[in-house]
Every structure is written in C-alpha cells, then in structure tokens.
Amino acid sequence: MATIVKADVLVSWNFKHIVNLDKIRGYNGINYQLGHNMIEIRTPKEIINYENTNP
C-alpha cells in the first residue's frame, strides 16, 4: 500500500516481517520490476530527532 500511495517512508517496529534487510531488498526488487519507486523502510528510532523535541 505504501508503494501505491507513493509514501516517502514506511516506519515500523516489525523487525521480523518489514524492517528486515532481506525483506526490504525483496520489496524494492519487486517495486523496481513493476516500475514503481523504491521505498525507504525505517524504524521509529531512525526517524525521530530527539534533539529538536521540547521537554
């Protein structure tokens, strides 16, 4: 779904099925074969910038 709606990033804690290097390569390989853009798949820790949050 994230590919179809052209999301910039998919964020998940699901390390077994989504945020997994082999799976990400597979997802993007299929995206490439079908002419879609690659998708960034990251964990929340990689996205949240704690330095800019107010206490």
C-alpha atoms as a PDB file:
ATOM      1  CA  MET A   1       0.000   0.000   0.000  1.00  0.00           C
ATOM      2  CA  ALA A   2       2.845   2.393   0.860  1.00  0.00           C
ATOM      3  CA  THR A   3       4.286   1.906  -2.631  1.00  0.00           C
ATOM      4  CA  ILE A   4       0.968   2.522  -4.377  1.00  0.00           C
ATOM      5  CA  VAL A   5       0.294   5.768  -2.492  1.00  0.00           C
ATOM      6  CA  LYS A   6       3.941   6.805  -3.084  1.00  0.00           C
ATOM      7  CA  ALA A   7       4.803   7.208   0.597  1.00  0.00           C
ATOM      8  CA  ASP A   8       8.262   8.645   1.236  1.00  0.00           C
ATOM      9  CA  VAL A   9       8.952   6.345   4.173  1.00  0.00           C
ATOM     10  CA  LEU A  10       7.327   3.345   5.830  1.00  0.00           C
ATOM     11  CA  VAL A  11       8.026   3.295   9.589  1.00  0.00           C
ATOM     12  CA  SER A  12       7.595   0.112  11.597  1.00  0.00           C
ATOM     13  CA  TRP A  13       8.795  -1.777  14.680  1.00  0.00           C
ATOM     14  CA  ASN A  14       8.092  -5.085  12.913  1.00  0.00           C
ATOM     15  CA  PHE A  15      11.656  -6.380  12.507  1.00  0.00           C
ATOM     16  CA  LYS A  16      10.608  -9.883  11.501  1.00  0.00           C
ATOM     17  CA  HIS A  17       8.394  -9.046   8.525  1.00  0.00           C
ATOM     18  CA  ILE A  18       9.015  -5.433   7.484  1.00  0.00           C
ATOM     19  CA  VAL A  19      12.168  -3.745   8.829  1.00  0.00           C
ATOM     20  CA  ASN A  20      14.426  -6.572   7.729  1.00  0.00           C
ATOM     21  CA  LEU A  21      17.225  -6.031   5.198  1.00  0.00           C
ATOM     22  CA  ASP A  22      16.431  -9.127   3.140  1.00  0.00           C
ATOM     23  CA  LYS A  23      12.713  -8.258   3.067  1.00  0.00           C
ATOM     24  CA  ILE A  24      13.416  -4.607   2.156  1.00  0.00           C
ATOM     25  CA  ARG A  25      15.576  -5.737  -0.763  1.00  0.00           C
ATOM     26  CA  GLY A  26      12.760  -8.038  -1.867  1.00  0.00           C
ATOM     27  CA  TYR A  27      10.110  -5.331  -1.642  1.00  0.00           C
ATOM     28  CA  ASN A  28      12.246  -2.898  -3.602  1.00  0.00           C
ATOM     29  CA  GLY A  29      13.193  -5.555  -6.143  1.00  0.00           C
ATOM     30  CA  ILE A  30       9.520  -6.113  -6.889  1.00  0.00           C
ATOM     31  CA  ASN A  31       8.900  -2.354  -6.957  1.00  0.00           C
ATOM     32  CA  TYR A  32      11.706  -1.998  -9.500  1.00  0.00           C
ATOM     33  CA  GLN A  33      10.380  -4.830 -11.681  1.00  0.00           C
ATOM     34  CA  LEU A  34       6.920  -3.269 -11.690  1.00  0.00           C
ATOM     35  CA  GLY A  35       8.198   0.232 -12.452  1.00  0.00           C
ATOM     36  CA  HIS A  36       7.487   1.702  -9.015  1.00  0.00           C
ATOM     37  CA  ASN A  37       9.787   3.865  -6.910  1.00  0.00           C
ATOM     38  CA  MET A  38      11.920   2.336  -4.189  1.00  0.00           C
ATOM     39  CA  ILE A  39      10.585   2.798  -0.672  1.00  0.00           C
ATOM     40  CA  GLU A  40      12.531   3.697   2.448  1.00  0.00           C
ATOM     41  CA  ILE A  41      11.657   1.361   5.324  1.00  0.00           C
ATOM     42  CA  ARG A  42      12.903   2.504   8.730  1.00  0.00           C
ATOM     43  CA  THR A  43      12.385   2.121  12.457  1.00  0.00           C
ATOM     44  CA  PRO A  44      10.928   4.955  14.539  1.00  0.00           C
ATOM     45  CA  LYS A  45      14.368   5.407  16.166  1.00  0.00           C
ATOM     46  CA  GLU A  46      15.800   6.245  12.743  1.00  0.00           C
ATOM     47  CA  ILE A  47      13.117   8.861  12.065  1.00  0.00           C
ATOM     48  CA  ILE A  48      12.600  10.693  15.357  1.00  0.00           C
ATOM     49  CA  ASN A  49      15.002  13.547  16.003  1.00  0.00           C
ATOM     50  CA  TYR A  50      15.207  13.739  19.785  1.00  0.00           C
ATOM     51  CA  GLU A  51      17.409  16.866  19.741  1.00  0.00           C
ATOM     52  CA  ASN A  52      14.569  19.028  18.427  1.00  0.00           C
ATOM     53  CA  THR A  53      11.874  17.930  20.892  1.00  0.00           C
ATOM     54  CA  ASN A  54      10.835  20.252  23.698  1.00  0.00           C
ATOM     55  CA  PRO A  55      10.878  18.862  27.261  1.00  0.00           C
END
